[in-house]
């Protein structure tokens, strides 16, 4: 092969690669025109959040005693001062 043949072959390969890249860009532009990036991100986040919520619900339903104990602990912590005062009043009586 001569240098001109090598150059012609390299140019043909470059043109083929450029055509592929331009095709990819055109497909991306068309896809983004249908659904912008922000909408795609929002939809993906909502899908993941829904999936996680479903998994949390499954775990909670499988562990009802743990859920009840956690709820009672949170209630106790929230009303700890009132419960402490109630216990002190009960001891004094």
PDB file of N, CA and C in Angstrom:
ATOM      1  N   UNK A   1       0.835  -1.183   0.000  1.00  0.00           N
ATOM      2  CA  UNK A   1       0.000   0.000   0.000  1.00  0.00           C
ATOM      3  C   UNK A   1       0.877   1.244   0.000  1.00  0.00           C
ATOM      4  N   UNK A   2       0.381   2.165  -0.740  1.00  0.00           N
ATOM      5  CA  UNK A   2       1.127   3.421  -0.779  1.00  0.00           C
ATOM      6  C   UNK A   2       0.619   4.350   0.306  1.00  0.00           C
ATOM      7  N   UNK A   3       1.329   5.427   0.439  1.00  0.00           N
ATOM      8  CA  UNK A   3       0.941   6.404   1.458  1.00  0.00           C
ATOM      9  C   UNK A   3      -0.415   7.022   1.132  1.00  0.00           C
ATOM     10  N   UNK A   4      -0.689   7.214  -0.148  1.00  0.00           N
ATOM     11  CA  UNK A   4      -1.986   7.764  -0.556  1.00  0.00           C
ATOM     12  C   UNK A   4      -3.115   6.790  -0.249  1.00  0.00           C
ATOM     13  N   UNK A   5      -2.858   5.509  -0.411  1.00  0.00           N
ATOM     14  CA  UNK A   5      -3.874   4.498  -0.080  1.00  0.00           C
ATOM     15  C   UNK A   5      -4.148   4.488   1.422  1.00  0.00           C
ATOM     16  N   UNK A   6      -3.091   4.588   2.191  1.00  0.00           N
ATOM     17  CA  UNK A   6      -3.250   4.641   3.654  1.00  0.00           C
ATOM     18  C   UNK A   6      -4.048   5.880   4.067  1.00  0.00           C
ATOM     19  N   UNK A   7      -3.725   6.987   3.440  1.00  0.00           N
ATOM     20  CA  UNK A   7      -4.429   8.224   3.732  1.00  0.00           C
ATOM     21  C   UNK A   7      -5.904   8.127   3.350  1.00  0.00           C
ATOM     22  N   UNK A   8      -6.192   7.554   2.218  1.00  0.00           N
ATOM     23  CA  UNK A   8      -7.581   7.393   1.763  1.00  0.00           C
ATOM     24  C   UNK A   8      -8.344   6.462   2.709  1.00  0.00           C
ATOM     25  N   UNK A   9      -7.698   5.389   3.134  1.00  0.00           N
ATOM     26  CA  UNK A   9      -8.341   4.453   4.055  1.00  0.00           C
ATOM     27  C   UNK A   9      -8.597   5.121   5.412  1.00  0.00           C
ATOM     28  N   UNK A  10      -7.626   5.861   5.904  1.00  0.00           N
ATOM     29  CA  UNK A  10      -7.786   6.569   7.177  1.00  0.00           C
ATOM     30  C   UNK A  10      -8.897   7.600   7.073  1.00  0.00           C
ATOM     31  N   UNK A  11      -8.966   8.298   5.957  1.00  0.00           N
ATOM     32  CA  UNK A  11     -10.018   9.293   5.764  1.00  0.00           C
ATOM     33  C   UNK A  11     -11.395   8.619   5.728  1.00  0.00           C
ATOM     34  N   UNK A  12     -11.491   7.477   5.079  1.00  0.00           N
ATOM     35  CA  UNK A  12     -12.766   6.751   5.012  1.00  0.00           C
ATOM     36  C   UNK A  12     -13.183   6.296   6.411  1.00  0.00           C
ATOM     37  N   UNK A  13     -12.234   5.790   7.192  1.00  0.00           N
ATOM     38  CA  UNK A  13     -12.531   5.374   8.562  1.00  0.00           C
ATOM     39  C   UNK A  13     -12.975   6.563   9.405  1.00  0.00           C
ATOM     40  N   UNK A  14     -12.288   7.697   9.239  1.00  0.00           N
ATOM     41  CA  UNK A  14     -12.658   8.904   9.965  1.00  0.00           C
ATOM     42  C   UNK A  14     -14.063   9.349   9.595  1.00  0.00           C
ATOM     43  N   UNK A  15     -14.389   9.318   8.328  1.00  0.00           N
ATOM     44  CA  UNK A  15     -15.726   9.721   7.876  1.00  0.00           C
ATOM     45  C   UNK A  15     -16.798   8.789   8.422  1.00  0.00           C
ATOM     46  N   UNK A  16     -16.495   7.483   8.466  1.00  0.00           N
ATOM     47  CA  UNK A  16     -17.452   6.516   9.039  1.00  0.00           C
ATOM     48  C   UNK A  16     -17.670   6.792  10.526  1.00  0.00           C
ATOM     49  N   UNK A  17     -16.577   7.050  11.246  1.00  0.00           N
ATOM     50  CA  UNK A  17     -16.684   7.338  12.679  1.00  0.00           C
ATOM     51  C   UNK A  17     -17.452   8.632  12.911  1.00  0.00           C
ATOM     52  N   UNK A  18     -17.188   9.634  12.087  1.00  0.00           N
ATOM     53  CA  UNK A  18     -17.891  10.905  12.213  1.00  0.00           C
ATOM     54  C   UNK A  18     -19.386  10.729  11.954  1.00  0.00           C
ATOM     55  N   UNK A  19     -19.718   9.906  10.981  1.00  0.00           N
ATOM     56  CA  UNK A  19     -21.135   9.642  10.695  1.00  0.00           C
ATOM     57  C   UNK A  19     -21.800   8.949  11.880  1.00  0.00           C
ATOM     58  N   UNK A  20     -21.094   8.021  12.524  1.00  0.00           N
ATOM     59  CA  UNK A  20     -21.646   7.344  13.698  1.00  0.00           C
ATOM     60  C   UNK A  20     -21.874   8.330  14.849  1.00  0.00           C
ATOM     61  N   UNK A  21     -20.896   9.196  15.083  1.00  0.00           N
ATOM     62  CA  UNK A  21     -21.019  10.183  16.157  1.00  0.00           C
ATOM     63  C   UNK A  21     -22.174  11.133  15.878  1.00  0.00           C
ATOM     64  N   UNK A  22     -22.271  11.614  14.651  1.00  0.00           N
ATOM     65  CA  UNK A  22     -23.373  12.516  14.301  1.00  0.00           C
ATOM     66  C   UNK A  22     -24.723  11.827  14.446  1.00  0.00           C
ATOM     67  N   UNK A  23     -24.785  10.554  14.109  1.00  0.00           N
ATOM     68  CA  UNK A  23     -26.030   9.794  14.298  1.00  0.00           C
ATOM     69  C   UNK A  23     -26.394   9.680  15.769  1.00  0.00           C
ATOM     70  N   UNK A  24     -25.383   9.408  16.608  1.00  0.00           N
ATOM     71  CA  UNK A  24     -25.624   9.329  18.055  1.00  0.00           C
ATOM     72  C   UNK A  24     -26.119  10.664  18.597  1.00  0.00           C
ATOM     73  N   UNK A  25     -25.494  11.747  18.144  1.00  0.00           N
ATOM     74  CA  UNK A  25     -25.908  13.077  18.600  1.00  0.00           C
ATOM     75  C   UNK A  25     -27.336  13.371  18.177  1.00  0.00           C
ATOM     76  N   UNK A  26     -27.683  13.013  16.949  1.00  0.00           N
ATOM     77  CA  UNK A  26     -29.051  13.239  16.470  1.00  0.00           C
ATOM     78  C   UNK A  26     -30.058  12.450  17.299  1.00  0.00           C
ATOM     79  N   UNK A  27     -29.730  11.197  17.631  1.00  0.00           N
ATOM     80  CA  UNK A  27     -30.636  10.385  18.468  1.00  0.00           C
ATOM     81  C   UNK A  27     -30.778  10.973  19.864  1.00  0.00           C
ATOM     82  N   UNK A  28     -29.671  11.458  20.447  1.00  0.00           N
ATOM     83  CA  UNK A  28     -29.722  12.088  21.766  1.00  0.00           C
ATOM     84  C   UNK A  28     -30.572  13.359  21.742  1.00  0.00           C
ATOM     85  N   UNK A  29     -30.384  14.170  20.710  1.00  0.00           N
ATOM     86  CA  UNK A  29     -31.172  15.399  20.601  1.00  0.00           C
ATOM     87  C   UNK A  29     -32.655  15.084  20.467  1.00  0.00           C
ATOM     88  N   UNK A  30     -32.984  14.063  19.684  1.00  0.00           N
ATOM     89  CA  UNK A  30     -34.391  13.680  19.515  1.00  0.00           C
ATOM     90  C   UNK A  30     -34.971  13.166  20.830  1.00  0.00           C
ATOM     91  N   UNK A  31     -34.189  12.373  21.546  1.00  0.00           N
ATOM     92  CA  UNK A  31     -34.664  11.839  22.821  1.00  0.00           C
ATOM     93  C   UNK A  31     -34.855  12.961  23.840  1.00  0.00           C
ATOM     94  N   UNK A  32     -33.927  13.915  23.866  1.00  0.00           N
ATOM     95  CA  UNK A  32     -34.036  15.029  24.807  1.00  0.00           C
ATOM     96  C   UNK A  32     -35.172  15.974  24.430  1.00  0.00           C
ATOM     97  N   UNK A  33     -35.497  16.045  23.148  1.00  0.00           N
ATOM     98  CA  UNK A  33     -36.633  16.876  22.730  1.00  0.00           C
ATOM     99  C   UNK A  33     -37.937  16.264  23.230  1.00  0.00           C
ATOM    100  N   UNK A  34     -38.003  14.934  23.273  1.00  0.00           N
ATOM    101  CA  UNK A  34     -39.208  14.261  23.762  1.00  0.00           C
ATOM    102  C   UNK A  34     -39.335  14.376  25.271  1.00  0.00           C
ATOM    103  N   UNK A  35     -38.223  14.210  25.968  1.00  0.00           N
ATOM    104  CA  UNK A  35     -38.247  14.207  27.432  1.00  0.00           C
ATOM    105  C   UNK A  35     -36.952  14.834  27.946  1.00  0.00           C
ATOM    106  N   UNK A  36     -37.003  16.076  28.454  1.00  0.00           N
ATOM    107  CA  UNK A  36     -35.785  16.756  28.911  1.00  0.00           C
ATOM    108  C   UNK A  36     -35.119  16.038  30.090  1.00  0.00           C
ATOM    109  N   UNK A  37     -33.875  16.398  30.336  1.00  0.00           N
ATOM    110  CA  UNK A  37     -33.077  15.758  31.385  1.00  0.00           C
ATOM    111  C   UNK A  37     -33.724  15.938  32.755  1.00  0.00           C
ATOM    112  N   UNK A  38     -34.230  17.141  33.052  1.00  0.00           N
ATOM    113  CA  UNK A  38     -34.861  17.387  34.348  1.00  0.00           C
ATOM    114  C   UNK A  38     -36.045  16.474  34.596  1.00  0.00           C
ATOM    115  N   UNK A  39     -36.844  16.262  33.562  1.00  0.00           N
ATOM    116  CA  UNK A  39     -38.008  15.382  33.690  1.00  0.00           C
ATOM    117  C   UNK A  39     -37.546  13.948  33.899  1.00  0.00           C
ATOM    118  N   UNK A  40     -36.516  13.552  33.175  1.00  0.00           N
ATOM    119  CA  UNK A  40     -35.982  12.189  33.337  1.00  0.00           C
ATOM    120  C   UNK A  40     -35.456  11.968  34.759  1.00  0.00           C
ATOM    121  N   UNK A  41     -34.722  12.967  35.281  1.00  0.00           N
ATOM    122  CA  UNK A  41     -34.189  12.851  36.646  1.00  0.00           C
ATOM    123  C   UNK A  41     -35.315  12.786  37.667  1.00  0.00           C
ATOM    124  N   UNK A  42     -36.340  13.638  37.493  1.00  0.00           N
ATOM    125  CA  UNK A  42     -37.465  13.639  38.421  1.00  0.00           C
ATOM    126  C   UNK A  42     -38.189  12.291  38.398  1.00  0.00           C
ATOM    127  N   UNK A  43     -38.452  11.784  37.195  1.00  0.00           N
ATOM    128  CA  UNK A  43     -39.144  10.508  37.071  1.00  0.00           C
ATOM    129  C   UNK A  43     -38.331   9.376  37.697  1.00  0.00           C
ATOM    130  N   UNK A  44     -37.020   9.404  37.480  1.00  0.00           N
ATOM    131  CA  UNK A  44     -36.159   8.374  38.053  1.00  0.00           C
ATOM    132  C   UNK A  44     -36.145   8.461  39.574  1.00  0.00           C
ATOM    133  N   UNK A  45     -36.072   9.675  40.112  1.00  0.00           N
ATOM    134  CA  UNK A  45     -36.079   9.854  41.571  1.00  0.00           C
ATOM    135  C   UNK A  45     -37.400   9.382  42.166  1.00  0.00           C
ATOM    136  N   UNK A  46     -38.507   9.710  41.514  1.00  0.00           N
ATOM    137  CA  UNK A  46     -39.816   9.263  42.012  1.00  0.00           C
ATOM    138  C   UNK A  46     -39.935   7.743  41.970  1.00  0.00           C
ATOM    139  N   UNK A  47     -39.420   7.150  40.901  1.00  0.00           N
ATOM    140  CA  UNK A  47     -39.467   5.692  40.779  1.00  0.00           C
ATOM    141  C   UNK A  47     -38.660   5.030  41.893  1.00  0.00           C
ATOM    142  N   UNK A  48     -37.456   5.555  42.127  1.00  0.00           N
ATOM    143  CA  UNK A  48     -36.612   4.990  43.196  1.00  0.00           C
ATOM    144  C   UNK A  48     -37.256   5.193  44.568  1.00  0.00           C
ATOM    145  N   UNK A  49     -37.830   6.373  44.810  1.00  0.00           N
ATOM    146  CA  UNK A  49     -38.472   6.641  46.097  1.00  0.00           C
ATOM    147  C   UNK A  49     -39.653   5.713  46.312  1.00  0.00           C
ATOM    148  N   UNK A  50     -40.427   5.474  45.277  1.00  0.00           N
ATOM    149  CA  UNK A  50     -41.565   4.563  45.379  1.00  0.00           C
ATOM    150  C   UNK A  50     -41.093   3.147  45.674  1.00  0.00           C
ATOM    151  N   UNK A  51     -40.015   2.753  45.016  1.00  0.00           N
ATOM    152  CA  UNK A  51     -39.454   1.419  45.245  1.00  0.00           C
ATOM    153  C   UNK A  51     -38.964   1.271  46.684  1.00  0.00           C
ATOM    154  N   UNK A  52     -38.267   2.286  47.180  1.00  0.00           N
ATOM    155  CA  UNK A  52     -37.761   2.243  48.559  1.00  0.00           C
ATOM    156  C   UNK A  52     -38.918   2.233  49.546  1.00  0.00           C
ATOM    157  N   UNK A  53     -39.955   3.021  49.285  1.00  0.00           N
ATOM    158  CA  UNK A  53     -41.119   3.045  50.176  1.00  0.00           C
ATOM    159  C   UNK A  53     -41.778   1.667  50.223  1.00  0.00           C
ATOM    160  N   UNK A  54     -41.850   1.010  49.095  1.00  0.00           N
ATOM    161  CA  UNK A  54     -42.408  -0.345  49.068  1.00  0.00           C
ATOM    162  C   UNK A  54     -41.578  -1.314  49.883  1.00  0.00           C
ATOM    163  N   UNK A  55     -40.263  -1.196  49.766  1.00  0.00           N
ATOM    164  CA  UNK A  55     -39.389  -2.073  50.545  1.00  0.00           C
ATOM    165  C   UNK A  55     -39.517  -1.791  52.032  1.00  0.00           C
ATOM    166  N   UNK A  56     -39.616  -0.521  52.400  1.00  0.00           N
ATOM    167  CA  UNK A  56     -39.789  -0.152  53.813  1.00  0.00           C
ATOM    168  C   UNK A  56     -41.094  -0.718  54.337  1.00  0.00           C
ATOM    169  N   UNK A  57     -42.160  -0.610  53.544  1.00  0.00           N
ATOM    170  CA  UNK A  57     -43.459  -1.143  53.967  1.00  0.00           C
ATOM    171  C   UNK A  57     -43.379  -2.652  54.185  1.00  0.00           C
ATOM    172  N   UNK A  58     -42.677  -3.353  53.298  1.00  0.00           N
ATOM    173  CA  UNK A  58     -42.521  -4.807  53.462  1.00  0.00           C
ATOM    174  C   UNK A  58     -41.787  -5.130  54.754  1.00  0.00           C
ATOM    175  N   UNK A  59     -40.706  -4.417  55.026  1.00  0.00           N
ATOM    176  CA  UNK A  59     -39.923  -4.671  56.240  1.00  0.00           C
ATOM    177  C   UNK A  59     -40.772  -4.376  57.476  1.00  0.00           C
ATOM    178  N   UNK A  60     -41.514  -3.268  57.440  1.00  0.00           N
ATOM    179  CA  UNK A  60     -42.343  -2.919  58.591  1.00  0.00           C
ATOM    180  C   UNK A  60     -43.432  -3.950  58.829  1.00  0.00           C
ATOM    181  N   UNK A  61     -44.039  -4.432  57.759  1.00  0.00           N
ATOM    182  CA  UNK A  61     -45.093  -5.437  57.932  1.00  0.00           C
ATOM    183  C   UNK A  61     -44.532  -6.747  58.456  1.00  0.00           C
ATOM    184  N   UNK A  62     -43.285  -7.050  58.098  1.00  0.00           N
ATOM    185  CA  UNK A  62     -42.655  -8.275  58.587  1.00  0.00           C
ATOM    186  C   UNK A  62     -42.190  -8.142  60.035  1.00  0.00           C
ATOM    187  N   UNK A  63     -42.051  -6.920  60.533  1.00  0.00           N
ATOM    188  CA  UNK A  63     -41.510  -6.681  61.870  1.00  0.00           C
ATOM    189  C   UNK A  63     -42.437  -5.786  62.676  1.00  0.00           C
ATOM    190  N   UNK A  64     -43.683  -6.171  62.819  1.00  0.00           N
ATOM    191  CA  UNK A  64     -44.658  -5.358  63.540  1.00  0.00           C
ATOM    192  C   UNK A  64     -44.269  -5.102  64.995  1.00  0.00           C
ATOM    193  N   UNK A  65     -43.737  -6.093  65.720  1.00  0.00           N
ATOM    194  CA  UNK A  65     -43.339  -5.807  67.105  1.00  0.00           C
ATOM    195  C   UNK A  65     -42.236  -4.742  67.192  1.00  0.00           C
ATOM    196  N   UNK A  66     -41.305  -4.787  66.271  1.00  0.00           N
ATOM    197  CA  UNK A  66     -40.237  -3.781  66.265  1.00  0.00           C
ATOM    198  C   UNK A  66     -40.826  -2.414  65.973  1.00  0.00           C
ATOM    199  N   UNK A  67     -41.764  -2.352  65.046  1.00  0.00           N
ATOM    200  CA  UNK A  67     -42.421  -1.091  64.717  1.00  0.00           C
ATOM    201  C   UNK A  67     -43.174  -0.551  65.929  1.00  0.00           C
ATOM    202  N   UNK A  68     -43.896  -1.415  66.626  1.00  0.00           N
ATOM    203  CA  UNK A  68     -44.643  -0.983  67.803  1.00  0.00           C
ATOM    204  C   UNK A  68     -43.700  -0.491  68.901  1.00  0.00           C
ATOM    205  N   UNK A  69     -42.617  -1.210  69.133  1.00  0.00           N
ATOM    206  CA  UNK A  69     -41.660  -0.805  70.161  1.00  0.00           C
ATOM    207  C   UNK A  69     -41.001   0.527  69.797  1.00  0.00           C
ATOM    208  N   UNK A  70     -40.679   0.703  68.552  1.00  0.00           N
ATOM    209  CA  UNK A  70     -40.076   1.965  68.112  1.00  0.00           C
ATOM    210  C   UNK A  70     -41.058   3.118  68.286  1.00  0.00           C
ATOM    211  N   UNK A  71     -42.311   2.876  67.915  1.00  0.00           N
ATOM    212  CA  UNK A  71     -43.332   3.903  68.093  1.00  0.00           C
ATOM    213  C   UNK A  71     -43.508   4.279  69.551  1.00  0.00           C
ATOM    214  N   UNK A  72     -43.567   3.289  70.423  1.00  0.00           N
ATOM    215  CA  UNK A  72     -43.693   3.561  71.851  1.00  0.00           C
ATOM    216  C   UNK A  72     -42.476   4.291  72.394  1.00  0.00           C
ATOM    217  N   UNK A  73     -41.294   3.916  71.930  1.00  0.00           N
ATOM    218  CA  UNK A  73     -40.076   4.602  72.371  1.00  0.00           C
ATOM    219  C   UNK A  73     -40.093   6.065  71.939  1.00  0.00           C
ATOM    220  N   UNK A  74     -40.544   6.324  70.726  1.00  0.00           N
ATOM    221  CA  UNK A  74     -40.625   7.713  70.250  1.00  0.00           C
ATOM    222  C   UNK A  74     -41.649   8.512  71.042  1.00  0.00           C
ATOM    223  N   UNK A  75     -42.779   7.899  71.332  1.00  0.00           N
ATOM    224  CA  UNK A  75     -43.799   8.576  72.140  1.00  0.00           C
ATOM    225  C   UNK A  75     -43.250   8.848  73.544  1.00  0.00           C
ATOM    226  N   UNK A  76     -42.583   7.851  74.123  1.00  0.00           N
ATOM    227  CA  UNK A  76     -41.997   8.021  75.445  1.00  0.00           C
ATOM    228  C   UNK A  76     -40.957   9.126  75.470  1.00  0.00           C
ATOM    229  N   UNK A  77     -40.135   9.185  74.456  1.00  0.00           N
ATOM    230  CA  UNK A  77     -39.114  10.218  74.389  1.00  0.00           C
ATOM    231  C   UNK A  77     -39.745  11.599  74.221  1.00  0.00           C
ATOM    232  N   UNK A  78     -40.775  11.674  73.392  1.00  0.00           N
ATOM    233  CA  UNK A  78     -41.433  12.958  73.151  1.00  0.00           C
ATOM    234  C   UNK A  78     -42.068  13.501  74.425  1.00  0.00           C
ATOM    235  N   UNK A  79     -42.672  12.616  75.218  1.00  0.00           N
ATOM    236  CA  UNK A  79     -43.378  13.036  76.429  1.00  0.00           C
ATOM    237  C   UNK A  79     -42.606  12.678  77.693  1.00  0.00           C
ATOM    238  N   UNK A  80     -41.274  12.636  77.610  1.00  0.00           N
ATOM    239  CA  UNK A  80     -40.457  12.197  78.747  1.00  0.00           C
ATOM    240  C   UNK A  80     -40.605  13.112  79.954  1.00  0.00           C
ATOM    241  N   UNK A  81     -40.704  14.403  79.745  1.00  0.00           N
ATOM    242  CA  UNK A  81     -40.827  15.319  80.889  1.00  0.00           C
ATOM    243  C   UNK A  81     -42.180  15.138  81.573  1.00  0.00           C
ATOM    244  N   UNK A  82     -43.228  15.055  80.786  1.00  0.00           N
ATOM    245  CA  UNK A  82     -44.562  14.874  81.359  1.00  0.00           C
ATOM    246  C   UNK A  82     -44.661  13.522  82.070  1.00  0.00           C
ATOM    247  N   UNK A  83     -44.071  12.491  81.475  1.00  0.00           N
ATOM    248  CA  UNK A  83     -44.097  11.178  82.125  1.00  0.00           C
ATOM    249  C   UNK A  83     -43.271  11.185  83.410  1.00  0.00           C
ATOM    250  N   UNK A  84     -42.142  11.880  83.387  1.00  0.00           N
ATOM    251  CA  UNK A  84     -41.317  11.997  84.604  1.00  0.00           C
ATOM    252  C   UNK A  84     -42.063  12.717  85.708  1.00  0.00           C
ATOM    253  N   UNK A  85     -42.755  13.783  85.353  1.00  0.00           N
ATOM    254  CA  UNK A  85     -43.534  14.518  86.354  1.00  0.00           C
ATOM    255  C   UNK A  85     -44.657  13.649  86.884  1.00  0.00           C
ATOM    256  N   UNK A  86     -45.279  12.867  86.025  1.00  0.00           N
ATOM    257  CA  UNK A  86     -46.362  11.974  86.445  1.00  0.00           C
ATOM    258  C   UNK A  86     -45.844  10.914  87.413  1.00  0.00           C
ATOM    259  N   UNK A  87     -44.671  10.376  87.129  1.00  0.00           N
ATOM    260  CA  UNK A  87     -44.074   9.375  88.018  1.00  0.00           C
ATOM    261  C   UNK A  87     -43.720  10.010  89.356  1.00  0.00           C
ATOM    262  N   UNK A  88     -43.185  11.220  89.370  1.00  0.00           N
ATOM    263  CA  UNK A  88     -42.835  11.902  90.601  1.00  0.00           C
ATOM    264  C   UNK A  88     -44.104  12.171  91.443  1.00  0.00           C
ATOM    265  N   UNK A  89     -45.165  12.587  90.797  1.00  0.00           N
ATOM    266  CA  UNK A  89     -46.424  12.817  91.505  1.00  0.00           C
ATOM    267  C   UNK A  89     -46.989  11.513  92.070  1.00  0.00           C
ATOM    268  N   UNK A  90     -46.827  10.443  91.330  1.00  0.00           N
ATOM    269  CA  UNK A  90     -47.321   9.136  91.780  1.00  0.00           C
ATOM    270  C   UNK A  90     -46.529   8.670  92.995  1.00  0.00           C
ATOM    271  N   UNK A  91     -45.207   8.910  93.027  1.00  0.00           N
ATOM    272  CA  UNK A  91     -44.381   8.502  94.154  1.00  0.00           C
ATOM    273  C   UNK A  91     -44.698   9.298  95.413  1.00  0.00           C
ATOM    274  N   UNK A  92     -45.022  10.554  95.250  1.00  0.00           N
ATOM    275  CA  UNK A  92     -45.343  11.405  96.391  1.00  0.00           C
ATOM    276  C   UNK A  92     -46.660  11.034  97.035  1.00  0.00           C
ATOM    277  N   UNK A  93     -47.559  10.476  96.247  1.00  0.00           N
ATOM    278  CA  UNK A  93     -48.879  10.142  96.800  1.00  0.00           C
ATOM    279  C   UNK A  93     -48.869   8.917  97.652  1.00  0.00           C
TER     280      UNK A  93
END
